[in-house]
Amino acid sequence: MIVDLPGGGTFRVCTKRDTYPDGREFVGYGIQPDILVERTLDIVRSGEDKVLDRAFADLESSITSSAF
C-alpha cells in the first residue's frame, strides 16, 4: 500500500500476509532449518563457520552412505 504525503513524498506499507501451506504465519518467527546448528559468541569470534562445516559433514555422509 502506497500513501501520498504532503510535499510530494510517499510511504509504503507492506500489506501481504505470508504463511506456511498449513496456514501458520512465519513472519516474526522465521523458518526453522531442518538441521539446527548452535552458534555461540566464542564460535563467532573464532571465525569458524559451524553451519558450513555441518553442511559439508552431512553432504559427505549422504554421499558415502549412498555409494554402491
PDB file of N, CA and C in Angstrom:
ATOM      1  N   MET A   1       0.857  -1.157   0.000  1.00  0.00           N
ATOM      2  CA  MET A   1       0.000   0.000   0.000  1.00  0.00           C
ATOM      3  C   MET A   1       0.911   1.230   0.000  1.00  0.00           C
ATOM      4  N   ILE A   2       0.685   2.113  -0.930  1.00  0.00           N
ATOM      5  CA  ILE A   2       1.470   3.346  -1.029  1.00  0.00           C
ATOM      6  C   ILE A   2       0.568   4.515  -0.657  1.00  0.00           C
ATOM      7  N   VAL A   3       1.087   5.382   0.218  1.00  0.00           N
ATOM      8  CA  VAL A   3       0.314   6.535   0.695  1.00  0.00           C
ATOM      9  C   VAL A   3       1.070   7.807   0.319  1.00  0.00           C
ATOM     10  N   ASP A   4       0.356   8.751  -0.292  1.00  0.00           N
ATOM     11  CA  ASP A   4       0.955  10.040  -0.643  1.00  0.00           C
ATOM     12  C   ASP A   4       1.062  10.919   0.594  1.00  0.00           C
ATOM     13  N   LEU A   5       2.183  11.615   0.701  1.00  0.00           N
ATOM     14  CA  LEU A   5       2.418  12.533   1.810  1.00  0.00           C
ATOM     15  C   LEU A   5       2.434  13.963   1.291  1.00  0.00           C
ATOM     16  N   PRO A   6       2.177  14.914   2.167  1.00  0.00           N
ATOM     17  CA  PRO A   6       2.277  16.320   1.757  1.00  0.00           C
ATOM     18  C   PRO A   6       3.702  16.631   1.281  1.00  0.00           C
ATOM     19  N   GLY A   7       3.816  17.487   0.303  1.00  0.00           N
ATOM     20  CA  GLY A   7       5.130  17.872  -0.203  1.00  0.00           C
ATOM     21  C   GLY A   7       5.645  16.945  -1.289  1.00  0.00           C
ATOM     22  N   GLY A   8       4.824  15.982  -1.729  1.00  0.00           N
ATOM     23  CA  GLY A   8       5.231  15.109  -2.832  1.00  0.00           C
ATOM     24  C   GLY A   8       5.866  13.792  -2.425  1.00  0.00           C
ATOM     25  N   GLY A   9       6.002  13.569  -1.116  1.00  0.00           N
ATOM     26  CA  GLY A   9       6.593  12.307  -0.662  1.00  0.00           C
ATOM     27  C   GLY A   9       5.567  11.189  -0.613  1.00  0.00           C
ATOM     28  N   THR A  10       6.058   9.982  -0.443  1.00  0.00           N
ATOM     29  CA  THR A  10       5.181   8.824  -0.268  1.00  0.00           C
ATOM     30  C   THR A  10       5.791   7.898   0.772  1.00  0.00           C
ATOM     31  N   PHE A  11       4.956   7.037   1.321  1.00  0.00           N
ATOM     32  CA  PHE A  11       5.493   5.942   2.121  1.00  0.00           C
ATOM     33  C   PHE A  11       4.758   4.680   1.742  1.00  0.00           C
ATOM     34  N   ARG A  12       5.415   3.560   1.971  1.00  0.00           N
ATOM     35  CA  ARG A  12       4.882   2.268   1.570  1.00  0.00           C
ATOM     36  C   ARG A  12       4.762   1.358   2.786  1.00  0.00           C
ATOM     37  N   VAL A  13       3.647   0.682   2.895  1.00  0.00           N
ATOM     38  CA  VAL A  13       3.417  -0.279   3.968  1.00  0.00           C
ATOM     39  C   VAL A  13       3.152  -1.627   3.317  1.00  0.00           C
ATOM     40  N   CYS A  14       3.888  -2.621   3.752  1.00  0.00           N
ATOM     41  CA  CYS A  14       3.684  -3.972   3.229  1.00  0.00           C
ATOM     42  C   CYS A  14       2.376  -4.517   3.805  1.00  0.00           C
ATOM     43  N   THR A  15       1.506  -4.973   2.924  1.00  0.00           N
ATOM     44  CA  THR A  15       0.199  -5.455   3.386  1.00  0.00           C
ATOM     45  C   THR A  15      -0.046  -6.911   3.021  1.00  0.00           C
ATOM     46  N   LYS A  16       0.968  -7.617   2.571  1.00  0.00           N
ATOM     47  CA  LYS A  16       0.742  -9.013   2.225  1.00  0.00           C
ATOM     48  C   LYS A  16       0.909  -9.902   3.450  1.00  0.00           C
ATOM     49  N   ARG A  17       0.323 -11.055   3.412  1.00  0.00           N
ATOM     50  CA  ARG A  17       0.380 -11.997   4.531  1.00  0.00           C
ATOM     51  C   ARG A  17       1.059 -13.264   4.040  1.00  0.00           C
ATOM     52  N   ASP A  18       2.187 -13.605   4.647  1.00  0.00           N
ATOM     53  CA  ASP A  18       2.932 -14.810   4.265  1.00  0.00           C
ATOM     54  C   ASP A  18       2.659 -15.907   5.278  1.00  0.00           C
ATOM     55  N   THR A  19       2.380 -17.112   4.770  1.00  0.00           N
ATOM     56  CA  THR A  19       2.106 -18.247   5.659  1.00  0.00           C
ATOM     57  C   THR A  19       2.723 -19.515   5.092  1.00  0.00           C
ATOM     58  N   TYR A  20       2.857 -20.504   5.979  1.00  0.00           N
ATOM     59  CA  TYR A  20       3.184 -21.855   5.542  1.00  0.00           C
ATOM     60  C   TYR A  20       1.966 -22.424   4.814  1.00  0.00           C
ATOM     61  N   PRO A  21       2.139 -23.510   4.083  1.00  0.00           N
ATOM     62  CA  PRO A  21       0.989 -24.121   3.407  1.00  0.00           C
ATOM     63  C   PRO A  21      -0.165 -24.497   4.351  1.00  0.00           C
ATOM     64  N   ASP A  22       0.165 -24.781   5.623  1.00  0.00           N
ATOM     65  CA  ASP A  22      -0.907 -25.154   6.562  1.00  0.00           C
ATOM     66  C   ASP A  22      -1.578 -23.946   7.207  1.00  0.00           C
ATOM     67  N   GLY A  23      -1.178 -22.729   6.813  1.00  0.00           N
ATOM     68  CA  GLY A  23      -1.829 -21.526   7.310  1.00  0.00           C
ATOM     69  C   GLY A  23      -1.111 -20.821   8.446  1.00  0.00           C
ATOM     70  N   ARG A  24      -0.122 -21.494   9.066  1.00  0.00           N
ATOM     71  CA  ARG A  24       0.635 -20.839  10.142  1.00  0.00           C
ATOM     72  C   ARG A  24       1.465 -19.696   9.576  1.00  0.00           C
ATOM     73  N   GLU A  25       1.535 -18.596  10.315  1.00  0.00           N
ATOM     74  CA  GLU A  25       2.355 -17.469   9.880  1.00  0.00           C
ATOM     75  C   GLU A  25       3.808 -17.691  10.261  1.00  0.00           C
ATOM     76  N   PHE A  26       4.725 -17.245   9.400  1.00  0.00           N
ATOM     77  CA  PHE A  26       6.131 -17.325   9.756  1.00  0.00           C
ATOM     78  C   PHE A  26       6.769 -15.955   9.924  1.00  0.00           C
ATOM     79  N   VAL A  27       6.039 -14.896   9.615  1.00  0.00           N
ATOM     80  CA  VAL A  27       6.574 -13.552   9.822  1.00  0.00           C
ATOM     81  C   VAL A  27       6.736 -13.343  11.325  1.00  0.00           C
ATOM     82  N   GLY A  28       7.926 -12.961  11.735  1.00  0.00           N
ATOM     83  CA  GLY A  28       8.214 -12.778  13.146  1.00  0.00           C
ATOM     84  C   GLY A  28       8.730 -14.038  13.821  1.00  0.00           C
ATOM     85  N   TYR A  29       8.579 -15.184  13.147  1.00  0.00           N
ATOM     86  CA  TYR A  29       9.049 -16.454  13.696  1.00  0.00           C
ATOM     87  C   TYR A  29      10.190 -17.029  12.869  1.00  0.00           C
ATOM     88  N   GLY A  30      10.137 -16.806  11.574  1.00  0.00           N
ATOM     89  CA  GLY A  30      11.140 -17.357  10.677  1.00  0.00           C
ATOM     90  C   GLY A  30      10.817 -18.785  10.291  1.00  0.00           C
ATOM     91  N   ILE A  31      11.650 -19.332   9.465  1.00  0.00           N
ATOM     92  CA  ILE A  31      11.503 -20.708   9.017  1.00  0.00           C
ATOM     93  C   ILE A  31      12.614 -21.508   9.680  1.00  0.00           C
ATOM     94  N   GLN A  32      12.232 -22.478  10.478  1.00  0.00           N
ATOM     95  CA  GLN A  32      13.220 -23.281  11.193  1.00  0.00           C
ATOM     96  C   GLN A  32      13.949 -24.207  10.232  1.00  0.00           C
ATOM     97  N   PRO A  33      15.264 -24.289  10.339  1.00  0.00           N
ATOM     98  CA  PRO A  33      16.020 -25.186   9.459  1.00  0.00           C
ATOM     99  C   PRO A  33      15.776 -26.646   9.837  1.00  0.00           C
ATOM    100  N   ASP A  34      15.999 -27.538   8.888  1.00  0.00           N
ATOM    101  CA  ASP A  34      15.891 -28.973   9.169  1.00  0.00           C
ATOM    102  C   ASP A  34      16.953 -29.410  10.161  1.00  0.00           C
ATOM    103  N   ILE A  35      18.122 -28.803  10.070  1.00  0.00           N
ATOM    104  CA  ILE A  35      19.230 -29.133  10.971  1.00  0.00           C
ATOM    105  C   ILE A  35      19.648 -27.855  11.685  1.00  0.00           C
ATOM    106  N   LEU A  36      19.495 -27.833  12.985  1.00  0.00           N
ATOM    107  CA  LEU A  36      19.840 -26.650  13.774  1.00  0.00           C
ATOM    108  C   LEU A  36      21.293 -26.745  14.230  1.00  0.00           C
ATOM    109  N   VAL A  37      22.068 -25.717  13.936  1.00  0.00           N
ATOM    110  CA  VAL A  37      23.460 -25.652  14.356  1.00  0.00           C
ATOM    111  C   VAL A  37      23.579 -24.490  15.331  1.00  0.00           C
ATOM    112  N   GLU A  38      23.919 -24.803  16.564  1.00  0.00           N
ATOM    113  CA  GLU A  38      24.054 -23.772  17.597  1.00  0.00           C
ATOM    114  C   GLU A  38      25.252 -22.882  17.303  1.00  0.00           C
ATOM    115  N   ARG A  39      25.082 -21.595  17.551  1.00  0.00           N
ATOM    116  CA  ARG A  39      26.183 -20.640  17.406  1.00  0.00           C
ATOM    117  C   ARG A  39      26.389 -19.951  18.740  1.00  0.00           C
ATOM    118  N   THR A  40      27.628 -19.856  19.158  1.00  0.00           N
ATOM    119  CA  THR A  40      27.952 -19.145  20.389  1.00  0.00           C
ATOM    120  C   THR A  40      28.852 -17.969  20.037  1.00  0.00           C
ATOM    121  N   LEU A  41      28.956 -17.054  20.956  1.00  0.00           N
ATOM    122  CA  LEU A  41      29.817 -15.896  20.734  1.00  0.00           C
ATOM    123  C   LEU A  41      31.266 -16.330  20.520  1.00  0.00           C
ATOM    124  N   ASP A  42      31.715 -17.327  21.265  1.00  0.00           N
ATOM    125  CA  ASP A  42      33.091 -17.811  21.101  1.00  0.00           C
ATOM    126  C   ASP A  42      33.327 -18.373  19.702  1.00  0.00           C
ATOM    127  N   ILE A  43      32.333 -19.097  19.160  1.00  0.00           N
ATOM    128  CA  ILE A  43      32.476 -19.651  17.812  1.00  0.00           C
ATOM    129  C   ILE A  43      32.530 -18.528  16.781  1.00  0.00           C
ATOM    130  N   VAL A  44      31.680 -17.537  16.935  1.00  0.00           N
ATOM    131  CA  VAL A  44      31.682 -16.404  16.001  1.00  0.00           C
ATOM    132  C   VAL A  44      33.015 -15.671  16.071  1.00  0.00           C
ATOM    133  N   ARG A  45      33.502 -15.454  17.270  1.00  0.00           N
ATOM    134  CA  ARG A  45      34.791 -14.762  17.438  1.00  0.00           C
ATOM    135  C   ARG A  45      35.948 -15.539  16.838  1.00  0.00           C
ATOM    136  N   SER A  46      35.864 -16.868  16.876  1.00  0.00           N
ATOM    137  CA  SER A  46      36.966 -17.687  16.363  1.00  0.00           C
ATOM    138  C   SER A  46      37.029 -17.673  14.839  1.00  0.00           C
ATOM    139  N   GLY A  47      35.949 -17.241  14.202  1.00  0.00           N
ATOM    140  CA  GLY A  47      35.924 -17.211  12.742  1.00  0.00           C
ATOM    141  C   GLY A  47      35.517 -18.536  12.123  1.00  0.00           C
ATOM    142  N   GLU A  48      35.201 -19.537  12.975  1.00  0.00           N
ATOM    143  CA  GLU A  48      34.758 -20.825  12.448  1.00  0.00           C
ATOM    144  C   GLU A  48      33.368 -20.686  11.832  1.00  0.00           C
ATOM    145  N   ASP A  49      33.109 -21.484  10.829  1.00  0.00           N
ATOM    146  CA  ASP A  49      31.788 -21.500  10.211  1.00  0.00           C
ATOM    147  C   ASP A  49      31.168 -22.868  10.478  1.00  0.00           C
ATOM    148  N   LYS A  50      30.547 -23.015  11.640  1.00  0.00           N
ATOM    149  CA  LYS A  50      29.980 -24.293  12.058  1.00  0.00           C
ATOM    150  C   LYS A  50      28.830 -24.734  11.151  1.00  0.00           C
ATOM    151  N   VAL A  51      28.097 -23.775  10.592  1.00  0.00           N
ATOM    152  CA  VAL A  51      26.994 -24.118   9.696  1.00  0.00           C
ATOM    153  C   VAL A  51      27.552 -24.770   8.435  1.00  0.00           C
ATOM    154  N   LEU A  52      28.581 -24.165   7.849  1.00  0.00           N
ATOM    155  CA  LEU A  52      29.193 -24.725   6.650  1.00  0.00           C
ATOM    156  C   LEU A  52      29.862 -26.059   6.951  1.00  0.00           C
ATOM    157  N   ASP A  53      30.542 -26.149   8.097  1.00  0.00           N
ATOM    158  CA  ASP A  53      31.169 -27.414   8.494  1.00  0.00           C
ATOM    159  C   ASP A  53      30.130 -28.529   8.596  1.00  0.00           C
ATOM    160  N   ARG A  54      28.979 -28.235   9.202  1.00  0.00           N
ATOM    161  CA  ARG A  54      27.925 -29.238   9.350  1.00  0.00           C
ATOM    162  C   ARG A  54      27.347 -29.618   7.997  1.00  0.00           C
ATOM    163  N   ALA A  55      27.185 -28.647   7.117  1.00  0.00           N
ATOM    164  CA  ALA A  55      26.664 -28.937   5.780  1.00  0.00           C
ATOM    165  C   ALA A  55      27.602 -29.878   5.030  1.00  0.00           C
ATOM    166  N   PHE A  56      28.910 -29.614   5.100  1.00  0.00           N
ATOM    167  CA  PHE A  56      29.873 -30.494   4.438  1.00  0.00           C
ATOM    168  C   PHE A  56      29.848 -31.894   5.051  1.00  0.00           C
ATOM    169  N   ALA A  57      29.760 -31.979   6.370  1.00  0.00           N
ATOM    170  CA  ALA A  57      29.724 -33.288   7.035  1.00  0.00           C
ATOM    171  C   ALA A  57      28.484 -34.073   6.624  1.00  0.00           C
ATOM    172  N   ASP A  58      27.337 -33.415   6.576  1.00  0.00           N
ATOM    173  CA  ASP A  58      26.104 -34.100   6.173  1.00  0.00           C
ATOM    174  C   ASP A  58      26.163 -34.519   4.706  1.00  0.00           C
ATOM    175  N   LEU A  59      26.721 -33.664   3.861  1.00  0.00           N
ATOM    176  CA  LEU A  59      26.857 -33.993   2.446  1.00  0.00           C
ATOM    177  C   LEU A  59      27.782 -35.184   2.265  1.00  0.00           C
ATOM    178  N   GLU A  60      28.908 -35.157   2.953  1.00  0.00           N
ATOM    179  CA  GLU A  60      29.865 -36.271   2.858  1.00  0.00           C
ATOM    180  C   GLU A  60      29.223 -37.567   3.351  1.00  0.00           C
ATOM    181  N   SER A  61      28.478 -37.472   4.433  1.00  0.00           N
ATOM    182  CA  SER A  61      27.800 -38.658   4.985  1.00  0.00           C
ATOM    183  C   SER A  61      26.778 -39.218   4.010  1.00  0.00           C
ATOM    184  N   SER A  62      26.012 -38.330   3.360  1.00  0.00           N
ATOM    185  CA  SER A  62      24.997 -38.823   2.428  1.00  0.00           C
ATOM    186  C   SER A  62      25.637 -39.408   1.182  1.00  0.00           C
ATOM    187  N   ILE A  63      26.786 -38.900   0.770  1.00  0.00           N
ATOM    188  CA  ILE A  63      27.478 -39.433  -0.407  1.00  0.00           C
ATOM    189  C   ILE A  63      28.038 -40.806  -0.100  1.00  0.00           C
ATOM    190  N   THR A  64      28.676 -40.958   1.056  1.00  0.00           N
ATOM    191  CA  THR A  64      29.297 -42.246   1.393  1.00  0.00           C
ATOM    192  C   THR A  64      28.245 -43.306   1.720  1.00  0.00           C
ATOM    193  N   SER A  65      27.102 -42.907   2.270  1.00  0.00           N
ATOM    194  CA  SER A  65      26.072 -43.900   2.592  1.00  0.00           C
ATOM    195  C   SER A  65      25.298 -44.339   1.362  1.00  0.00           C
ATOM    196  N   SER A  66      25.340 -43.544   0.290  1.00  0.00           N
ATOM    197  CA  SER A  66      24.624 -43.930  -0.915  1.00  0.00           C
ATOM    198  C   SER A  66      25.548 -44.523  -1.976  1.00  0.00           C
ATOM    199  N   ALA A  67      26.826 -44.685  -1.628  1.00  0.00           N
ATOM    200  CA  ALA A  67      27.773 -45.269  -2.584  1.00  0.00           C
ATOM    201  C   ALA A  67      27.445 -46.738  -2.799  1.00  0.00           C
ATOM    202  N   PHE A  68      27.703 -47.203  -4.004  1.00  0.00           N
ATOM    203  CA  PHE A  68      27.360 -48.583  -4.358  1.00  0.00           C
ATOM    204  C   PHE A  68      28.374 -49.533  -3.813  1.00  0.00           C
TER     205      PHE A  68
END
